[in-house]
Protein backbone atom coordinates (compact mmCIF):
# COMPACT_ATOMS: atom_id res chain seq x y z
CA MET A 1 -11.75 40.42 -4.60
CA ASN A 2 -13.72 37.94 -2.48
CA LYS A 3 -11.92 34.99 -0.96
CA LYS A 4 -12.21 31.66 -2.75
CA LYS A 5 -14.35 29.11 -0.92
CA LEU A 6 -13.79 25.37 -0.47
CA VAL A 7 -16.49 23.12 0.94
CA VAL A 8 -15.43 19.64 2.06
CA ILE A 9 -18.33 17.20 2.29
CA GLY A 10 -17.59 14.68 5.05
CA GLY A 11 -16.14 15.07 8.52
CA GLY A 12 -13.92 12.00 8.47
CA ALA A 13 -10.18 11.45 8.10
CA ALA A 14 -10.03 12.20 4.36
CA GLY A 15 -12.21 15.30 4.66
CA PHE A 16 -10.21 16.77 7.54
CA PHE A 17 -6.92 16.06 5.79
CA CYS A 18 -8.11 17.72 2.59
CA ALA A 19 -9.30 20.83 4.44
CA ILE A 20 -6.17 21.19 6.57
CA ASN A 21 -3.78 20.76 3.66
CA ALA A 22 -5.77 23.03 1.33
CA ALA A 23 -5.37 25.71 4.01
CA ALA A 24 -1.62 25.00 4.16
CA PHE A 25 -1.24 25.50 0.39
CA ASN A 26 -3.49 28.57 0.35
CA PRO A 27 -4.04 30.29 3.73
CA ASP A 28 -6.44 32.73 2.02
CA LEU A 29 -8.96 29.99 1.21
CA GLU A 30 -12.24 30.11 3.11
CA ILE A 31 -12.88 26.49 4.08
CA SER A 32 -15.88 24.67 5.54
CA ILE A 33 -16.25 21.00 6.50
CA ILE A 34 -19.81 19.69 6.25
CA GLU A 35 -20.89 16.63 8.24
CA LYS A 36 -24.34 15.08 7.94
CA THR A 37 -24.28 13.52 11.45
CA THR A 38 -23.44 14.85 14.90
CA LYS A 39 -20.10 13.00 14.97
CA LEU A 40 -16.74 14.00 13.57
CA LEU A 41 -13.90 11.56 12.82
CA SER A 42 -16.05 8.64 13.98
CA LYS A 43 -13.97 5.94 12.22
CA VAL A 44 -10.79 7.46 13.61
CA LYS A 45 -12.27 7.13 17.09
CA VAL A 46 -13.18 3.42 16.87
CA SER A 47 -10.36 2.19 14.64
CA GLY A 48 -8.00 -0.36 16.13
CA GLY A 49 -10.18 -0.86 19.20
CA GLY A 50 -10.02 2.85 20.03
CA ARG A 51 -6.27 3.18 19.40
CA CYS A 52 -6.49 4.34 15.74
CA ASN A 53 -4.50 2.27 13.26
CA VAL A 54 -3.05 5.35 11.50
CA THR A 55 -1.11 3.55 8.73
CA HIS A 56 1.01 0.49 8.03
CA ALA A 57 4.80 0.24 8.24
CA CYS A 58 5.24 -0.61 4.57
CA PHE A 59 7.72 1.58 2.72
CA SER A 60 7.56 0.01 -0.73
CA ILE A 61 4.80 1.27 -3.01
CA ALA A 62 4.90 -2.00 -4.98
CA GLN A 63 4.27 -3.96 -1.77
CA MET A 64 1.79 -1.47 -0.34
CA ILE A 65 -0.64 -1.57 -3.27
CA LYS A 66 -1.00 -5.37 -2.90
CA ASN A 67 -3.13 -4.66 0.18
CA TYR A 68 -5.87 -2.99 -1.85
CA PRO A 69 -8.31 -5.38 -3.56
CA ARG A 70 -9.55 -2.48 -5.68
CA GLY A 71 -7.68 0.62 -6.83
CA GLU A 72 -4.07 -0.53 -6.74
CA ASN A 73 -3.07 1.04 -10.09
CA PHE A 74 -4.72 4.33 -9.13
CA LEU A 75 -2.93 4.30 -5.77
CA LYS A 76 0.39 3.47 -7.39
CA LYS A 77 0.31 6.98 -8.90
CA ALA A 78 -1.11 8.64 -5.79
CA PHE A 79 1.42 7.12 -3.36
CA HIS A 80 4.28 8.73 -5.30
CA GLN A 81 2.96 12.06 -4.00
CA PHE A 82 2.12 11.21 -0.39
CA PHE A 83 3.09 7.87 1.16
CA THR A 84 3.43 6.21 4.57
CA THR A 85 6.71 8.04 5.25
CA ASP A 86 4.91 11.34 4.64
CA THR A 87 2.07 10.38 6.98
CA ILE A 88 4.54 9.57 9.75
CA LYS A 89 6.40 12.86 9.20
CA TRP A 90 3.16 14.89 9.02
CA PHE A 91 1.96 13.69 12.40
CA LYS A 92 5.43 13.84 13.97
CA LYS A 93 5.78 17.48 12.93
CA ARG A 94 2.60 18.15 14.93
CA GLY A 95 3.81 16.32 18.02
CA VAL A 96 2.25 12.90 17.38
CA GLU A 97 4.72 10.02 17.45
CA LEU A 98 3.68 6.70 15.92
CA LYS A 99 4.88 3.23 16.93
CA THR A 100 5.01 0.03 14.90
CA GLU A 101 3.62 -3.26 16.21
CA ALA A 102 4.85 -6.72 15.25
CA ASP A 103 2.27 -7.12 12.49
CA GLY A 104 3.20 -3.78 10.89
CA ARG A 105 0.23 -1.74 12.12
CA MET A 106 1.12 1.75 13.32
CA PHE A 107 -0.55 3.48 16.26
CA PRO A 108 0.06 6.66 18.24
CA VAL A 109 2.43 5.93 21.12
CA THR A 110 -0.36 7.01 23.46
CA ASN A 111 -2.46 4.03 22.29
CA SER A 112 -5.41 6.39 22.03
CA SER A 113 -7.32 7.51 18.95
CA GLN A 114 -8.09 10.73 20.83
CA THR A 115 -4.48 11.77 20.16
CA ILE A 116 -5.16 11.74 16.40
CA ILE A 117 -8.54 13.44 16.81
CA ASP A 118 -7.01 16.17 18.99
CA CYS A 119 -4.21 16.72 16.45
CA LEU A 120 -6.63 17.11 13.53
CA MET A 121 -9.02 19.32 15.50
CA LYS A 122 -6.14 21.55 16.60
CA GLU A 123 -5.06 22.01 12.96
CA VAL A 124 -8.64 22.77 11.86
CA ASN A 125 -8.99 25.40 14.58
CA LYS A 126 -5.57 26.88 13.82
CA CYS A 127 -6.53 27.24 10.14
CA GLY A 128 -9.89 28.82 10.99
CA ILE A 129 -11.81 26.08 9.19
CA GLN A 130 -15.55 26.18 9.81
CA ILE A 131 -17.40 22.97 10.73
CA LEU A 132 -21.11 22.58 10.00
CA MET A 133 -22.91 19.59 11.56
CA ASN A 134 -26.24 17.92 10.76
CA LYS A 135 -26.01 19.02 7.14
CA GLU A 136 -26.97 16.31 4.67
CA VAL A 137 -26.17 17.21 1.06
CA LYS A 138 -28.96 16.46 -1.38
CA LYS A 139 -27.82 18.24 -4.53
CA LEU A 140 -24.76 19.82 -6.11
CA SER A 141 -25.24 22.20 -9.01
CA MET A 142 -23.11 24.66 -10.95
CA VAL A 143 -24.29 28.27 -11.25
CA ASN A 144 -22.87 31.26 -13.17
CA ALA A 145 -20.95 28.88 -15.40
CA CYS A 146 -21.63 31.03 -18.44
CA LEU A 147 -19.72 34.06 -17.15
CA PRO A 148 -16.58 34.65 -19.27
CA ASP A 149 -14.18 35.16 -16.36
CA ARG A 150 -14.96 32.02 -14.33
CA GLN A 151 -15.69 28.31 -14.58
CA GLY A 152 -18.77 28.66 -12.42
CA GLU A 153 -19.74 28.52 -8.79
CA TRP A 154 -21.06 25.54 -6.87
CA SER A 155 -24.41 25.58 -5.11
CA ILE A 156 -24.76 22.96 -2.36
CA THR A 157 -28.32 22.17 -1.34
CA PHE A 158 -29.07 20.47 1.97
CA ALA A 159 -31.95 18.23 3.02
CA ASN A 160 -33.71 21.20 4.65
CA ALA A 161 -33.57 23.09 1.31
CA GLU A 162 -30.93 25.50 2.66
CA ASN A 163 -27.97 26.05 0.33
CA ILE A 164 -24.49 27.52 0.36
CA LYS A 165 -22.04 28.50 -2.39
CA ALA A 166 -18.49 27.36 -3.05
CA ASP A 167 -15.77 27.66 -5.68
CA PHE A 168 -14.37 24.20 -4.96
CA ILE A 169 -15.91 21.03 -3.55
CA CYS A 170 -14.16 17.98 -2.19
CA VAL A 171 -16.45 14.98 -1.66
CA ALA A 172 -15.06 12.92 1.23
CA SER A 173 -18.35 11.44 2.37
CA GLY A 174 -17.10 7.88 2.87
CA GLY A 175 -18.54 4.75 1.30
CA PHE A 176 -22.24 4.18 0.85
CA ALA A 177 -24.02 0.87 1.36
CA LYS A 178 -26.54 1.39 -1.47
CA SER A 179 -26.10 2.73 -4.97
CA ILE A 180 -29.10 5.06 -4.58
CA GLN A 181 -27.07 7.02 -2.02
CA PHE A 182 -24.74 8.08 -4.85
CA ASN A 183 -27.55 9.68 -6.89
CA TRP A 184 -26.48 13.26 -6.06
CA LEU A 185 -23.09 12.47 -7.59
CA LYS A 186 -24.53 10.51 -10.53
CA ASP A 187 -26.60 13.61 -11.34
CA LEU A 188 -23.31 15.39 -12.12
CA GLY A 189 -22.46 12.81 -14.76
CA HIS A 190 -20.35 10.47 -12.64
CA SER A 191 -20.81 6.72 -12.71
CA ILE A 192 -20.18 4.25 -9.89
CA GLU A 193 -19.11 0.72 -9.25
CA GLU A 194 -21.92 -0.94 -7.29
CA PRO A 195 -21.15 -0.82 -3.55
CA VAL A 196 -20.94 -4.14 -1.74
CA PRO A 197 -19.65 -4.90 1.77
CA SER A 198 -15.95 -5.59 2.23
CA LEU A 199 -14.13 -6.68 5.41
CA PHE A 200 -16.61 -9.02 7.07
CA THR A 201 -16.53 -12.24 9.06
CA PHE A 202 -17.95 -15.63 8.06
CA ASN A 203 -21.01 -17.07 9.78
CA ILE A 204 -20.83 -20.86 10.20
CA PRO A 205 -24.09 -22.10 11.73
CA ASN A 206 -24.58 -25.52 13.30
CA ASN A 207 -20.92 -26.42 13.66
CA LEU A 208 -19.28 -27.57 16.88
CA ILE A 209 -16.16 -25.52 16.16
CA LYS A 210 -17.97 -22.44 17.48
CA ASP A 211 -17.62 -23.95 20.97
CA LEU A 212 -13.89 -23.17 20.66
CA MET A 213 -14.42 -19.41 20.40
CA GLY A 214 -11.38 -17.36 21.32
CA ILE A 215 -8.83 -19.72 19.76
CA ALA A 216 -6.62 -18.15 17.09
CA VAL A 217 -4.18 -20.06 14.87
CA GLU A 218 -2.19 -19.49 11.67
CA THR A 219 -4.06 -20.96 8.69
CA ILE A 220 -4.61 -20.91 4.95
CA VAL A 221 -8.26 -20.25 4.10
CA LYS A 222 -9.52 -20.90 0.57
CA ILE A 223 -12.93 -20.32 -1.00
CA VAL A 224 -13.74 -23.63 -2.67
CA GLY A 225 -14.18 -23.43 -6.43
CA THR A 226 -12.39 -20.08 -6.76
CA LYS A 227 -8.86 -18.66 -6.95
CA PHE A 228 -9.29 -16.79 -3.65
CA SER A 229 -7.02 -17.85 -0.81
CA GLN A 230 -5.34 -16.09 2.12
CA GLN A 231 -2.83 -17.09 4.78
CA GLY A 232 -2.87 -15.59 8.26
CA PRO A 233 -4.34 -15.90 11.74
CA LEU A 234 -7.89 -17.27 11.91
CA LEU A 235 -9.98 -16.47 14.99
CA ILE A 236 -12.83 -18.78 16.02
CA THR A 237 -15.83 -16.80 17.26
CA HIS A 238 -19.27 -17.63 18.65
CA TRP A 239 -20.74 -17.10 15.16
CA GLY A 240 -17.97 -18.60 13.00
CA PHE A 241 -14.61 -17.31 11.78
CA SER A 242 -12.87 -13.93 11.94
CA GLY A 243 -9.26 -12.80 12.10
CA PRO A 244 -6.89 -11.35 9.46
CA ALA A 245 -7.05 -14.35 7.10
CA VAL A 246 -10.85 -14.21 6.91
CA LEU A 247 -11.08 -10.42 6.71
CA LYS A 248 -8.49 -10.30 3.89
CA LEU A 249 -10.33 -13.05 2.05
CA SER A 250 -13.65 -11.23 2.42
CA ALA A 251 -12.13 -8.06 0.97
CA PHE A 252 -10.52 -9.63 -2.09
CA ALA A 253 -13.57 -11.81 -2.82
CA ALA A 254 -16.15 -9.16 -1.83
CA ILE A 255 -17.86 -8.89 -5.21
CA GLU A 256 -17.98 -12.65 -5.86
CA LEU A 257 -19.29 -13.43 -2.36
CA HIS A 258 -21.98 -10.77 -2.77
CA LYS A 259 -23.07 -12.44 -6.01
CA ALA A 260 -23.21 -15.79 -4.15
CA ASN A 261 -25.48 -14.19 -1.53
CA TYR A 262 -22.84 -15.09 1.09
CA ASP A 263 -23.60 -18.81 0.71
CA PHE A 264 -20.33 -20.60 -0.06
CA THR A 265 -17.81 -23.19 1.17
CA ILE A 266 -14.33 -22.62 2.52
CA ALA A 267 -11.46 -25.07 3.06
CA VAL A 268 -9.12 -24.45 5.98
CA ASN A 269 -5.57 -25.73 6.17
CA TRP A 270 -4.89 -25.65 9.91
CA LEU A 271 -1.20 -26.42 9.33
CA PRO A 272 0.04 -24.05 6.59
CA ALA A 273 3.54 -25.53 6.72
CA TYR A 274 2.19 -28.86 5.45
CA ASN A 275 0.33 -30.32 2.50
CA GLU A 276 -1.31 -33.74 2.49
CA GLN A 277 1.84 -35.61 1.46
CA THR A 278 4.26 -33.89 3.86
CA LEU A 279 1.73 -34.33 6.66
CA LYS A 280 1.60 -38.09 5.98
CA ASP A 281 5.38 -38.15 6.37
CA LYS A 282 5.08 -36.22 9.65
CA PHE A 283 2.48 -38.70 10.95
CA LEU A 284 4.77 -41.62 10.12
CA GLN A 285 7.56 -39.90 12.02
CA SER A 286 5.27 -39.22 14.99
CA ARG A 287 4.07 -42.83 15.12
CA ASN A 288 7.69 -43.89 15.50
CA ASN A 289 8.86 -41.16 17.88
CA LEU A 290 5.75 -40.97 20.05
CA ALA A 291 4.67 -44.62 19.76
CA PRO A 292 3.86 -45.37 23.45
CA GLN A 293 2.15 -42.03 24.18
CA LYS A 294 -1.54 -41.29 24.02
CA ILE A 295 -2.40 -39.27 20.94
CA VAL A 296 -4.55 -36.88 22.98
CA ASN A 297 -1.61 -35.91 25.19
CA ARG A 298 0.97 -35.38 22.46
CA ASN A 299 0.15 -33.31 19.42
CA PRO A 300 3.35 -32.70 17.48
CA PHE A 301 1.99 -29.53 15.83
CA PHE A 302 1.69 -27.43 18.99
CA LEU A 303 -1.97 -26.69 18.26
CA PRO A 304 -4.12 -25.44 21.16
CA GLN A 305 -5.28 -28.43 23.18
CA ARG A 306 -9.00 -27.72 22.79
CA LEU A 307 -8.57 -27.51 19.02
CA TRP A 308 -6.57 -30.77 18.93
CA ASP A 309 -9.31 -32.49 20.95
CA TYR A 310 -11.88 -31.21 18.44
CA PHE A 311 -9.89 -32.62 15.50
CA LEU A 312 -9.61 -36.04 17.18
CA GLN A 313 -13.34 -35.98 17.82
CA GLN A 314 -14.07 -35.07 14.18
CA ALA A 315 -11.90 -37.98 13.01
CA ALA A 316 -13.63 -40.35 15.49
CA ILE A 317 -10.30 -41.15 17.18
CA ASN A 318 -10.41 -42.59 20.70
CA GLU A 319 -8.51 -40.15 22.90
CA ASN A 320 -6.93 -43.01 24.84
CA ILE A 321 -5.37 -44.59 21.77
CA ARG A 322 -1.58 -44.57 21.49
CA TRP A 323 0.25 -43.11 18.49
CA ALA A 324 1.52 -46.60 17.59
CA ASP A 325 -2.03 -47.96 17.46
CA LEU A 326 -3.64 -45.22 15.36
CA PRO A 327 -5.64 -46.98 12.59
CA ALA A 328 -4.70 -45.97 9.03
CA LYS A 329 -8.30 -45.02 8.20
CA GLN A 330 -8.56 -42.61 11.14
CA GLN A 331 -5.10 -41.23 10.41
CA ASN A 332 -6.08 -40.39 6.82
CA ILE A 333 -9.31 -38.72 7.98
CA LEU A 334 -7.36 -36.64 10.51
CA ILE A 335 -4.82 -35.61 7.85
CA LYS A 336 -7.62 -34.46 5.54
CA ILE A 337 -9.21 -32.46 8.37
CA LEU A 338 -5.91 -30.78 9.23
CA CYS A 339 -5.10 -29.95 5.59
CA MET A 340 -8.47 -29.17 4.03
CA GLN A 341 -11.36 -29.10 6.48
CA GLN A 342 -14.43 -27.71 4.75
CA PHE A 343 -17.06 -25.44 6.30
CA ALA A 344 -20.36 -24.22 4.86
CA VAL A 345 -20.60 -20.42 5.26
CA LYS A 346 -24.10 -18.98 5.48
CA GLY A 347 -24.01 -15.21 5.78
CA LYS A 348 -21.64 -12.59 7.09
CA THR A 349 -21.18 -10.24 10.03
CA THR A 350 -19.89 -6.73 9.38
CA PHE A 351 -18.26 -4.32 11.78
CA LYS A 352 -20.83 -1.54 11.92
CA GLU A 353 -18.42 1.10 13.24
CA GLU A 354 -15.63 0.19 10.84
CA PHE A 355 -17.86 -0.62 7.90
CA VAL A 356 -15.97 -0.67 4.62
CA THR A 357 -17.47 -0.98 1.15
CA SER A 358 -16.02 -1.85 -2.19
CA GLY A 359 -17.42 0.25 -5.00
CA GLY A 360 -17.82 4.00 -5.40
CA ILE A 361 -16.95 6.64 -7.98
CA LYS A 362 -15.21 4.96 -10.91
CA LEU A 363 -11.49 5.67 -10.85
CA ASN A 364 -11.20 6.33 -14.60
CA GLU A 365 -13.29 9.46 -13.95
CA ILE A 366 -10.78 10.87 -11.41
CA ASP A 367 -7.28 12.28 -12.00
CA ALA A 368 -4.97 10.40 -9.61
CA ASN A 369 -2.51 13.31 -9.66
CA THR A 370 -5.01 15.86 -8.29
CA MET A 371 -8.10 13.85 -7.21
CA GLN A 372 -10.11 16.18 -9.44
CA SER A 373 -13.08 14.95 -11.42
CA LYS A 374 -12.37 14.48 -15.12
CA ILE A 375 -16.05 15.24 -15.79
CA VAL A 376 -16.76 18.37 -13.74
CA PRO A 377 -14.19 21.11 -13.01
CA ASN A 378 -13.42 22.11 -9.42
CA LEU A 379 -14.94 18.91 -8.03
CA PHE A 380 -12.52 16.70 -6.07
CA PHE A 381 -12.75 13.39 -4.24
CA ALA A 382 -10.97 11.92 -1.21
CA GLY A 383 -11.26 8.66 0.71
CA GLU A 384 -13.64 5.77 0.45
CA VAL A 385 -16.26 7.49 -1.75
CA MET A 386 -13.96 6.39 -4.58
CA ASP A 387 -13.75 2.78 -5.73
CA VAL A 388 -10.72 2.07 -3.54
CA ASP A 389 -10.67 -0.15 -0.46
CA GLY A 390 -7.95 -1.83 1.54
CA ILE A 391 -7.71 -4.72 3.95
CA THR A 392 -7.37 -4.20 7.69
CA GLY A 393 -4.09 -2.89 9.05
CA GLY A 394 -4.12 0.86 8.45
CA PHE A 395 -4.43 0.69 4.66
CA ASN A 396 -7.80 2.45 4.36
CA PHE A 397 -6.52 5.30 6.53
CA GLN A 398 -3.39 5.63 4.40
CA HIS A 399 -5.62 6.02 1.35
CA ALA A 400 -7.60 8.68 3.25
CA TRP A 401 -4.45 10.64 4.15
CA THR A 402 -2.99 10.31 0.64
CA SER A 403 -6.11 11.28 -1.30
CA GLY A 404 -6.96 14.04 1.18
CA TRP A 405 -3.47 15.54 0.93
CA ILE A 406 -3.40 15.39 -2.87
CA ALA A 407 -6.87 16.96 -3.17
CA GLY A 408 -5.96 19.65 -0.61
CA LYS A 409 -2.72 20.50 -2.41
CA ALA A 410 -4.43 20.65 -5.81
CA ILE A 411 -7.26 22.85 -4.51
CA GLY A 412 -4.84 25.13 -2.64
CA GLU A 413 -2.67 25.63 -5.71
CA LYS A 414 -5.58 26.01 -8.12
CA SER A 415 -7.33 28.53 -5.90
CA ASN A 416 -4.12 30.55 -5.74
CA GLU A 417 -3.93 30.61 -9.53
CA ASN A 418 -7.56 31.65 -9.80
CA PHE A 419 -7.12 34.27 -7.13
CA GLU A 420 -4.07 35.77 -8.81
CA ALA A 421 -5.81 35.71 -12.18
């Protein structure tokens, strides 16, 4: 009997993990990875500034799923099969130790994404998995489905009209920016959530705060008129705001901000430990304790000096004035700026290399226990092609490892059953 064939569409983290683990569960499978570009594992290479943020040191599924704006219920089931602890063990077993940084992100101890790439490539070579580059899939179709002894065979047609056959397909092609790019999957009967950008920074034109680029502080950032709010470090850039607080906010509000054409207003609380009332009390205390000192020289909140100078300027406070002489009107303006300074956002900037989309194949059409399509047999999905996306910090990679492993296991076991039958 001929060997069963698996074709994995997509040479990224999820695709590699599916192929490698399918081979582990059925060494007799003939496996090919198909990549439409000339680059393999490109997101792995650039992730974390070239260090590869492999996963996040979160060991509670209930806590972990809170980091996914879309897909948390689906992942709740999937993580019971393969979780962060399993990712750490999988790489450790293959000689790759991971380390945890203060913010919970996990990287290889080598601080190089090449370590992860080398590990995955070594496994692919060891399993005899074939890699085909520059192969863009245009159509998937089922042939021989009417034969009594089989469910059918896949035919995969490429852009150059060439085609190959497979018994199983795993689509791990990553997210697409436009819905038209999903047409080859829609043709199979699948439906999609419209893709929109997630994880982007806020452009704030014509505002003096951009002169303070490079400053990062802990904040609460809220989108005015909505429920969306995030606390975390905010980074001032030459085009506006970035940093974890902004990126998280962009992910959770991705669909709404897309509808608003990225024209909206945010309010920043530069002192998350305070609200307007408690800050008034702090100012009263400071006026007493710091009475003879110039306000410019003594900021009781330990904010970066350039940022403090900016706030005083925005409140029209003379930098030579003493704390004791601060006029009530200027004090109230400064308090409002520190607690709820508003900025008009006009547009976004995305990370081209680490581009993440919300949207993709609807999750109610996929079995979370196997990653198999509920619509078409022997069609599986892994990674961002599904309507799952996480915030920054290793969460999107953990979804790639989890879905890739589950799909690989399911294909390996199913192909064994078919083979024995």
